[in-house]
Amino acid sequence: MVTHAFYELLKQFFSDPATNLFPVKNHPGSVHGTLKKVEQGKAKLNPPVEVPPGFRGKILYDREACIGCQMCIKVCPSMAIEFIPEGRKVKFYMARCTFCALCNDICPKKCIRMSDTFIMANTDKYGKDMIVLDSGHFVKDEKKEEKAPERPSPAPKPPVKAAA
């Protein structure tokens, strides 16, 4: 008896893989040695898979735009956000983050966003790369870009003469 699973298996067998290939053809003995060979042109890396739209990667945080409302802290299921009382700002611990983007969605000032950075492997979960304190001023830059071009004001209408 042929089942739905059999057809699914055949379909998967003839389709392209959905995973990213390993960066090199064979597993290297030394990653650092392989990277040196790539720099010298002796080895070739597989091209990476493009990051899909809507990908939720490392958090970007505009510290200047933040008003310290703590809404992001209230919705964070993994408690990856800590409030800093002096300055009324927050910091993000990426080792705890589940990349759910709830903080991004609830922020009233839109000073939190998800980037397309996904390679964050680190041996120190409290290292400089794993704690986000400020990522720059992207909120102000967007507002400048989003402004509609100014339209020239219409010519003034001639005054209406009163009937005598």
N, C-alpha and C. Protein backbone atom coordinates (compact mmCIF):
# COMPACT_ATOMS: atom_id res chain seq x y z
N MET A 1 0.84 -1.18 0.00
CA MET A 1 0.00 0.00 0.00
C MET A 1 0.89 1.25 0.00
N VAL A 2 0.68 2.14 -0.94
CA VAL A 2 1.46 3.37 -1.06
C VAL A 2 0.77 4.45 -0.23
N THR A 3 1.55 5.09 0.61
CA THR A 3 0.98 6.11 1.50
C THR A 3 1.47 7.50 1.11
N HIS A 4 0.90 8.47 1.80
CA HIS A 4 1.31 9.86 1.59
C HIS A 4 2.79 10.04 1.91
N ALA A 5 3.29 9.34 2.91
CA ALA A 5 4.69 9.45 3.31
C ALA A 5 5.63 9.02 2.18
N PHE A 6 5.22 8.01 1.42
CA PHE A 6 6.03 7.54 0.31
C PHE A 6 6.18 8.63 -0.76
N TYR A 7 5.07 9.29 -1.10
CA TYR A 7 5.13 10.38 -2.07
C TYR A 7 5.98 11.54 -1.55
N GLU A 8 5.85 11.82 -0.27
CA GLU A 8 6.65 12.89 0.34
C GLU A 8 8.13 12.53 0.27
N LEU A 9 8.46 11.27 0.50
CA LEU A 9 9.84 10.81 0.43
C LEU A 9 10.40 10.97 -0.98
N LEU A 10 9.63 10.62 -1.99
CA LEU A 10 10.08 10.78 -3.37
C LEU A 10 10.28 12.25 -3.72
N LYS A 11 9.37 13.09 -3.27
CA LYS A 11 9.47 14.52 -3.54
C LYS A 11 10.75 15.09 -2.89
N GLN A 12 11.03 14.70 -1.65
CA GLN A 12 12.23 15.17 -0.96
C GLN A 12 13.50 14.63 -1.61
N PHE A 13 13.43 13.43 -2.13
CA PHE A 13 14.60 12.80 -2.74
C PHE A 13 15.06 13.56 -3.99
N PHE A 14 14.13 14.13 -4.74
CA PHE A 14 14.47 14.82 -5.97
C PHE A 14 14.55 16.34 -5.83
N SER A 15 14.33 16.88 -4.64
CA SER A 15 14.41 18.33 -4.45
C SER A 15 15.80 18.72 -3.93
N ASP A 16 16.12 20.01 -4.04
CA ASP A 16 17.40 20.51 -3.56
C ASP A 16 17.43 20.52 -2.03
N PRO A 17 18.61 20.39 -1.43
CA PRO A 17 18.69 20.44 0.03
C PRO A 17 18.35 21.83 0.56
N ALA A 18 17.77 21.87 1.74
CA ALA A 18 17.37 23.14 2.35
C ALA A 18 18.42 23.65 3.33
N THR A 19 19.43 22.87 3.59
CA THR A 19 20.45 23.27 4.56
C THR A 19 21.64 23.91 3.87
N ASN A 20 22.41 24.64 4.64
CA ASN A 20 23.61 25.28 4.13
C ASN A 20 24.73 24.24 4.07
N LEU A 21 25.45 24.21 2.97
CA LEU A 21 26.58 23.29 2.84
C LEU A 21 27.71 23.72 3.77
N PHE A 22 28.53 22.74 4.18
CA PHE A 22 29.69 23.06 4.99
C PHE A 22 30.58 23.99 4.19
N PRO A 23 31.22 24.96 4.83
CA PRO A 23 31.99 25.95 4.07
C PRO A 23 33.08 25.39 3.15
N VAL A 24 33.61 24.23 3.44
CA VAL A 24 34.63 23.63 2.57
C VAL A 24 34.20 22.22 2.18
N LYS A 25 34.85 21.67 1.15
CA LYS A 25 34.43 20.37 0.62
C LYS A 25 34.57 19.26 1.65
N ASN A 26 35.70 19.17 2.32
CA ASN A 26 35.92 18.15 3.34
C ASN A 26 36.18 18.83 4.68
N HIS A 27 35.84 18.14 5.76
CA HIS A 27 36.05 18.69 7.09
C HIS A 27 37.54 18.93 7.32
N PRO A 28 37.93 20.17 7.66
CA PRO A 28 39.36 20.46 7.82
C PRO A 28 39.87 19.99 9.17
N GLY A 29 41.17 19.71 9.22
CA GLY A 29 41.80 19.37 10.49
C GLY A 29 41.97 20.61 11.35
N SER A 30 42.22 21.74 10.70
CA SER A 30 42.40 23.01 11.41
C SER A 30 41.61 24.10 10.69
N VAL A 31 40.70 24.71 11.41
CA VAL A 31 39.89 25.78 10.81
C VAL A 31 40.76 26.98 10.49
N HIS A 32 41.67 27.32 11.40
CA HIS A 32 42.56 28.46 11.15
C HIS A 32 43.45 28.22 9.94
N GLY A 33 43.95 26.99 9.80
CA GLY A 33 44.76 26.66 8.64
C GLY A 33 43.96 26.75 7.35
N THR A 34 42.72 26.32 7.39
CA THR A 34 41.85 26.41 6.21
C THR A 34 41.58 27.85 5.84
N LEU A 35 41.34 28.70 6.82
CA LEU A 35 41.09 30.12 6.54
C LEU A 35 42.32 30.78 5.92
N LYS A 36 43.51 30.38 6.37
CA LYS A 36 44.74 30.91 5.77
C LYS A 36 44.85 30.45 4.31
N LYS A 37 44.47 29.19 4.04
CA LYS A 37 44.51 28.68 2.67
C LYS A 37 43.52 29.44 1.78
N VAL A 38 42.36 29.79 2.34
CA VAL A 38 41.37 30.55 1.57
C VAL A 38 41.92 31.92 1.23
N GLU A 39 42.58 32.57 2.19
CA GLU A 39 43.17 33.89 1.95
C GLU A 39 44.25 33.83 0.87
N GLN A 40 44.99 32.72 0.84
CA GLN A 40 46.05 32.56 -0.15
C GLN A 40 45.50 32.09 -1.50
N GLY A 41 44.24 31.69 -1.55
CA GLY A 41 43.64 31.23 -2.79
C GLY A 41 43.83 29.74 -3.04
N LYS A 42 44.31 29.00 -2.05
CA LYS A 42 44.55 27.56 -2.22
C LYS A 42 43.30 26.73 -1.93
N ALA A 43 42.33 27.30 -1.22
CA ALA A 43 41.08 26.60 -0.91
C ALA A 43 39.91 27.51 -1.26
N LYS A 44 38.75 26.90 -1.48
CA LYS A 44 37.58 27.65 -1.87
C LYS A 44 36.44 27.35 -0.90
N LEU A 45 35.71 28.40 -0.52
CA LEU A 45 34.57 28.23 0.38
C LEU A 45 33.29 28.11 -0.44
N ASN A 46 32.35 27.31 0.07
CA ASN A 46 31.02 27.24 -0.54
C ASN A 46 30.31 28.56 -0.28
N PRO A 47 29.54 29.05 -1.22
CA PRO A 47 28.82 30.30 -0.96
C PRO A 47 27.75 30.07 0.10
N PRO A 48 27.58 31.04 1.00
CA PRO A 48 26.56 30.87 2.04
C PRO A 48 25.16 31.06 1.49
N VAL A 49 24.19 30.49 2.19
CA VAL A 49 22.79 30.65 1.82
C VAL A 49 22.38 32.07 2.21
N GLU A 50 21.60 32.74 1.36
CA GLU A 50 21.16 34.10 1.66
C GLU A 50 20.23 34.09 2.87
N VAL A 51 20.31 35.14 3.65
CA VAL A 51 19.45 35.27 4.82
C VAL A 51 18.05 35.61 4.33
N PRO A 52 17.04 34.84 4.76
CA PRO A 52 15.69 35.09 4.27
C PRO A 52 15.10 36.38 4.83
N PRO A 53 14.14 36.98 4.16
CA PRO A 53 13.51 38.20 4.69
C PRO A 53 12.75 37.87 5.98
N GLY A 54 12.78 38.80 6.92
CA GLY A 54 12.11 38.59 8.19
C GLY A 54 12.93 37.77 9.18
N PHE A 55 14.20 37.51 8.86
CA PHE A 55 15.06 36.73 9.74
C PHE A 55 15.28 37.49 11.05
N ARG A 56 15.28 36.78 12.16
CA ARG A 56 15.48 37.40 13.46
C ARG A 56 16.84 37.00 14.00
N GLY A 57 17.81 37.91 13.86
CA GLY A 57 19.16 37.66 14.32
C GLY A 57 19.49 38.50 15.55
N LYS A 58 20.75 38.84 15.68
CA LYS A 58 21.22 39.60 16.84
C LYS A 58 20.47 40.93 16.95
N ILE A 59 20.21 41.34 18.17
CA ILE A 59 19.44 42.56 18.44
C ILE A 59 20.30 43.80 18.16
N LEU A 60 19.67 44.79 17.56
CA LEU A 60 20.26 46.12 17.41
C LEU A 60 19.48 47.05 18.33
N TYR A 61 20.17 47.95 19.02
CA TYR A 61 19.54 48.80 20.03
C TYR A 61 20.05 50.23 19.90
N ASP A 62 19.14 51.17 19.69
CA ASP A 62 19.48 52.58 19.61
C ASP A 62 19.29 53.18 21.00
N ARG A 63 20.37 53.32 21.72
CA ARG A 63 20.34 53.77 23.11
C ARG A 63 19.81 55.20 23.24
N GLU A 64 20.12 56.06 22.28
CA GLU A 64 19.70 57.46 22.34
C GLU A 64 18.18 57.59 22.21
N ALA A 65 17.56 56.75 21.41
CA ALA A 65 16.13 56.85 21.19
C ALA A 65 15.31 56.21 22.32
N CYS A 66 15.94 55.37 23.12
CA CYS A 66 15.24 54.65 24.19
C CYS A 66 14.78 55.62 25.27
N ILE A 67 13.53 55.47 25.71
CA ILE A 67 12.98 56.33 26.77
C ILE A 67 12.96 55.64 28.12
N GLY A 68 13.38 54.38 28.18
CA GLY A 68 13.45 53.65 29.45
C GLY A 68 12.10 53.21 29.99
N CYS A 69 11.15 52.91 29.13
CA CYS A 69 9.80 52.53 29.56
C CYS A 69 9.73 51.11 30.12
N GLN A 70 10.71 50.29 29.83
CA GLN A 70 10.84 48.91 30.31
C GLN A 70 9.78 47.96 29.78
N MET A 71 9.11 48.32 28.71
CA MET A 71 8.12 47.42 28.12
C MET A 71 8.80 46.16 27.57
N CYS A 72 10.00 46.32 27.02
CA CYS A 72 10.73 45.18 26.48
C CYS A 72 11.06 44.16 27.57
N ILE A 73 11.37 44.67 28.76
CA ILE A 73 11.70 43.78 29.88
C ILE A 73 10.48 42.99 30.30
N LYS A 74 9.33 43.62 30.28
CA LYS A 74 8.09 42.96 30.72
C LYS A 74 7.67 41.84 29.78
N VAL A 75 7.95 41.95 28.49
CA VAL A 75 7.50 40.92 27.54
C VAL A 75 8.56 39.86 27.25
N CYS A 76 9.79 40.06 27.67
CA CYS A 76 10.87 39.11 27.34
C CYS A 76 10.68 37.79 28.09
N PRO A 77 10.41 36.69 27.37
CA PRO A 77 10.18 35.41 28.04
C PRO A 77 11.45 34.78 28.62
N SER A 78 12.61 35.15 28.11
CA SER A 78 13.85 34.54 28.57
C SER A 78 14.63 35.42 29.54
N MET A 79 14.05 36.55 29.92
CA MET A 79 14.70 37.49 30.85
C MET A 79 16.11 37.86 30.38
N ALA A 80 16.23 38.17 29.10
CA ALA A 80 17.52 38.50 28.51
C ALA A 80 17.81 39.99 28.53
N ILE A 81 16.90 40.80 29.10
CA ILE A 81 17.06 42.24 29.10
C ILE A 81 17.15 42.72 30.54
N GLU A 82 18.15 43.56 30.80
CA GLU A 82 18.35 44.09 32.15
C GLU A 82 18.22 45.61 32.11
N PHE A 83 17.53 46.15 33.10
CA PHE A 83 17.35 47.60 33.20
C PHE A 83 18.54 48.21 33.92
N ILE A 84 19.06 49.30 33.40
CA ILE A 84 20.17 50.03 34.03
C ILE A 84 19.56 51.33 34.58
N PRO A 85 19.37 51.42 35.91
CA PRO A 85 18.68 52.59 36.48
C PRO A 85 19.36 53.92 36.15
N GLU A 86 20.69 54.00 36.28
CA GLU A 86 21.36 55.25 35.93
C GLU A 86 21.32 55.40 34.42
N GLY A 87 20.62 56.41 33.97
CA GLY A 87 20.46 56.66 32.55
C GLY A 87 19.17 56.10 31.99
N ARG A 88 18.45 55.28 32.75
CA ARG A 88 17.17 54.69 32.34
C ARG A 88 17.28 54.01 30.97
N LYS A 89 18.25 53.12 30.83
CA LYS A 89 18.46 52.37 29.59
C LYS A 89 18.46 50.89 29.89
N VAL A 90 18.59 50.05 28.87
CA VAL A 90 18.60 48.60 29.04
C VAL A 90 19.84 48.00 28.36
N LYS A 91 20.13 46.75 28.72
CA LYS A 91 21.16 46.00 28.01
C LYS A 91 20.65 44.60 27.76
N PHE A 92 21.08 44.02 26.65
CA PHE A 92 20.59 42.74 26.17
C PHE A 92 21.68 41.69 26.29
N TYR A 93 21.33 40.54 26.88
CA TYR A 93 22.25 39.41 26.98
C TYR A 93 21.88 38.43 25.87
N MET A 94 22.68 38.39 24.82
CA MET A 94 22.37 37.57 23.65
C MET A 94 22.47 36.08 23.94
N ALA A 95 23.23 35.68 24.96
CA ALA A 95 23.32 34.26 25.31
C ALA A 95 22.00 33.74 25.86
N ARG A 96 21.17 34.62 26.41
CA ARG A 96 19.87 34.22 26.96
C ARG A 96 18.74 34.40 25.95
N CYS A 97 18.94 35.22 24.95
CA CYS A 97 17.88 35.62 24.01
C CYS A 97 17.38 34.42 23.21
N THR A 98 16.05 34.34 23.04
CA THR A 98 15.44 33.28 22.23
C THR A 98 15.04 33.79 20.85
N PHE A 99 15.34 35.06 20.54
CA PHE A 99 15.09 35.67 19.24
C PHE A 99 13.61 35.63 18.86
N CYS A 100 12.76 35.86 19.84
CA CYS A 100 11.31 35.86 19.59
C CYS A 100 10.82 37.18 19.01
N ALA A 101 11.59 38.25 19.17
CA ALA A 101 11.29 39.59 18.65
C ALA A 101 10.11 40.27 19.34
N LEU A 102 9.73 39.81 20.52
CA LEU A 102 8.66 40.48 21.25
C LEU A 102 9.09 41.88 21.69
N CYS A 103 10.35 42.02 22.09
CA CYS A 103 10.86 43.34 22.49
C CYS A 103 10.83 44.30 21.30
N ASN A 104 11.14 43.79 20.16
CA ASN A 104 11.12 44.57 18.92
C ASN A 104 9.71 45.06 18.61
N ASP A 105 8.74 44.19 18.79
CA ASP A 105 7.36 44.53 18.44
C ASP A 105 6.72 45.51 19.41
N ILE A 106 7.08 45.44 20.70
CA ILE A 106 6.38 46.25 21.69
C ILE A 106 7.02 47.61 21.93
N CYS A 107 8.23 47.81 21.49
CA CYS A 107 8.94 49.07 21.75
C CYS A 107 8.19 50.25 21.13
N PRO A 108 7.76 51.24 21.96
CA PRO A 108 7.01 52.37 21.41
C PRO A 108 7.87 53.32 20.57
N LYS A 109 9.17 53.36 20.81
CA LYS A 109 10.07 54.24 20.07
C LYS A 109 10.77 53.55 18.92
N LYS A 110 10.51 52.25 18.74
CA LYS A 110 11.14 51.44 17.68
C LYS A 110 12.66 51.55 17.71
N CYS A 111 13.23 51.52 18.92
CA CYS A 111 14.68 51.61 19.06
C CYS A 111 15.32 50.23 19.19
N ILE A 112 14.52 49.17 19.05
CA ILE A 112 15.02 47.79 19.08
C ILE A 112 14.64 47.15 17.76
N ARG A 113 15.59 46.47 17.14
CA ARG A 113 15.28 45.74 15.91
C ARG A 113 16.16 44.50 15.83
N MET A 114 15.75 43.59 14.99
CA MET A 114 16.49 42.35 14.80
C MET A 114 17.34 42.48 13.54
N SER A 115 18.62 42.13 13.64
CA SER A 115 19.52 42.21 12.49
C SER A 115 19.53 40.87 11.77
N ASP A 116 20.37 40.76 10.74
CA ASP A 116 20.51 39.49 10.04
C ASP A 116 21.80 38.77 10.46
N THR A 117 22.39 39.19 11.57
CA THR A 117 23.59 38.53 12.10
C THR A 117 23.18 37.30 12.87
N PHE A 118 23.70 36.15 12.47
CA PHE A 118 23.33 34.92 13.17
C PHE A 118 24.53 34.14 13.68
N ILE A 119 25.73 34.50 13.27
CA ILE A 119 26.91 33.81 13.77
C ILE A 119 27.42 34.55 15.00
N MET A 120 27.09 34.01 16.18
CA MET A 120 27.47 34.64 17.44
C MET A 120 28.14 33.65 18.38
N ALA A 121 28.72 32.60 17.84
CA ALA A 121 29.35 31.59 18.69
C ALA A 121 30.47 32.22 19.50
N ASN A 122 30.47 31.95 20.79
CA ASN A 122 31.46 32.53 21.67
C ASN A 122 31.60 31.64 22.90
N THR A 123 32.80 31.55 23.43
CA THR A 123 33.00 30.74 24.63
C THR A 123 32.65 31.50 25.90
N ASP A 124 32.57 32.83 25.82
CA ASP A 124 32.24 33.65 26.97
C ASP A 124 30.87 34.28 26.76
N LYS A 125 29.86 33.79 27.48
CA LYS A 125 28.51 34.31 27.25
C LYS A 125 28.32 35.73 27.77
N TYR A 126 29.27 36.23 28.55
CA TYR A 126 29.22 37.62 29.00
C TYR A 126 30.31 38.46 28.33
N GLY A 127 30.79 37.99 27.20
CA GLY A 127 31.81 38.72 26.44
C GLY A 127 31.25 39.96 25.78
N LYS A 128 32.15 40.77 25.26
CA LYS A 128 31.77 42.05 24.64
C LYS A 128 30.81 41.86 23.47
N ASP A 129 30.98 40.80 22.70
CA ASP A 129 30.12 40.55 21.54
C ASP A 129 28.75 39.99 21.91
N MET A 130 28.61 39.50 23.13
CA MET A 130 27.37 38.85 23.53
C MET A 130 26.45 39.74 24.36
N ILE A 131 26.87 40.97 24.65
CA ILE A 131 26.04 41.92 25.38
C ILE A 131 25.86 43.15 24.51
N VAL A 132 24.61 43.53 24.27
CA VAL A 132 24.31 44.68 23.43
C VAL A 132 23.93 45.85 24.33
N LEU A 133 24.74 46.91 24.27
CA LEU A 133 24.46 48.14 25.02
C LEU A 133 24.01 49.27 24.10
N ASP A 134 24.58 49.34 22.91
CA ASP A 134 24.22 50.38 21.94
C ASP A 134 24.72 49.94 20.57
N SER A 135 23.85 50.08 19.58
CA SER A 135 24.22 49.69 18.22
C SER A 135 24.29 50.87 17.27
N GLY A 136 24.11 52.06 17.78
CA GLY A 136 24.14 53.22 16.91
C GLY A 136 22.79 53.89 16.82
N HIS A 137 22.69 54.90 16.01
CA HIS A 137 21.48 55.72 15.92
C HIS A 137 20.74 55.44 14.62
N PHE A 138 19.99 54.35 14.58
CA PHE A 138 19.26 54.04 13.35
C PHE A 138 17.87 54.64 13.34
N VAL A 139 17.29 54.99 14.48
CA VAL A 139 15.94 55.54 14.51
C VAL A 139 15.91 56.93 13.89
N LYS A 140 16.86 57.78 14.25
CA LYS A 140 16.91 59.13 13.70
C LYS A 140 17.19 59.10 12.20
N ASP A 141 18.07 58.21 11.78
CA ASP A 141 18.40 58.10 10.36
C ASP A 141 17.19 57.69 9.54
N GLU A 142 16.38 56.75 10.08
CA GLU A 142 15.18 56.30 9.36
C GLU A 142 14.17 57.42 9.23
N LYS A 143 14.02 58.20 10.30
CA LYS A 143 13.03 59.29 10.25
C LYS A 143 13.39 60.29 9.17
N LYS A 144 14.68 60.53 8.99
CA LYS A 144 15.10 61.44 7.93
C LYS A 144 14.77 60.86 6.56
N GLU A 145 14.98 59.54 6.42
CA GLU A 145 14.73 58.89 5.14
C GLU A 145 13.23 58.77 4.86
N GLU A 146 12.42 58.56 5.92
CA GLU A 146 11.00 58.35 5.74
C GLU A 146 10.24 59.63 5.44
N LYS A 147 10.83 60.79 5.70
CA LYS A 147 10.14 62.04 5.46
C LYS A 147 9.78 62.15 3.99
N ALA A 148 8.56 62.55 3.76
CA ALA A 148 8.13 62.74 2.37
C ALA A 148 8.81 63.98 1.82
N PRO A 149 9.11 63.97 0.55
CA PRO A 149 9.75 65.16 -0.01
C PRO A 149 8.80 66.35 0.11
N GLU A 150 9.38 67.48 0.43
CA GLU A 150 8.56 68.67 0.62
C GLU A 150 8.00 69.13 -0.71
N ARG A 151 6.71 69.39 -0.69
CA ARG A 151 6.05 69.87 -1.90
C ARG A 151 6.11 71.39 -1.93
N PRO A 152 6.27 71.96 -3.08
CA PRO A 152 6.25 73.43 -3.13
C PRO A 152 4.85 73.91 -2.77
N SER A 153 4.82 74.98 -2.02
CA SER A 153 3.52 75.51 -1.60
C SER A 153 2.81 76.10 -2.82
N PRO A 154 1.48 75.95 -2.85
CA PRO A 154 0.75 76.47 -4.01
C PRO A 154 0.83 77.99 -4.06
N ALA A 155 0.68 78.51 -5.24
CA ALA A 155 0.74 79.97 -5.42
C ALA A 155 -0.42 80.61 -4.66
N PRO A 156 -0.17 81.74 -4.03
CA PRO A 156 -1.26 82.37 -3.27
C PRO A 156 -2.37 82.83 -4.21
N LYS A 157 -3.59 82.67 -3.71
CA LYS A 157 -4.75 83.06 -4.52
C LYS A 157 -4.91 84.59 -4.44
N PRO A 158 -5.33 85.18 -5.54
CA PRO A 158 -5.55 86.64 -5.50
C PRO A 158 -6.72 86.95 -4.57
N PRO A 159 -6.66 88.07 -3.88
CA PRO A 159 -7.74 88.41 -2.96
C PRO A 159 -9.04 88.62 -3.72
N VAL A 160 -10.12 88.23 -3.07
CA VAL A 160 -11.45 88.37 -3.66
C VAL A 160 -11.93 89.80 -3.42
N LYS A 161 -12.38 90.44 -4.49
CA LYS A 161 -12.88 91.80 -4.35
C LYS A 161 -14.30 91.78 -3.81
N ALA A 162 -14.56 92.63 -2.88
CA ALA A 162 -15.90 92.72 -2.30
C ALA A 162 -16.84 93.42 -3.24
N ALA A 163 -18.05 92.98 -3.29
CA ALA A 163 -19.06 93.61 -4.15
C ALA A 163 -19.48 94.95 -3.57
N ALA A 164 -19.60 95.97 -4.40
CA ALA A 164 -19.94 97.31 -3.91
C ALA A 164 -21.42 97.53 -3.89
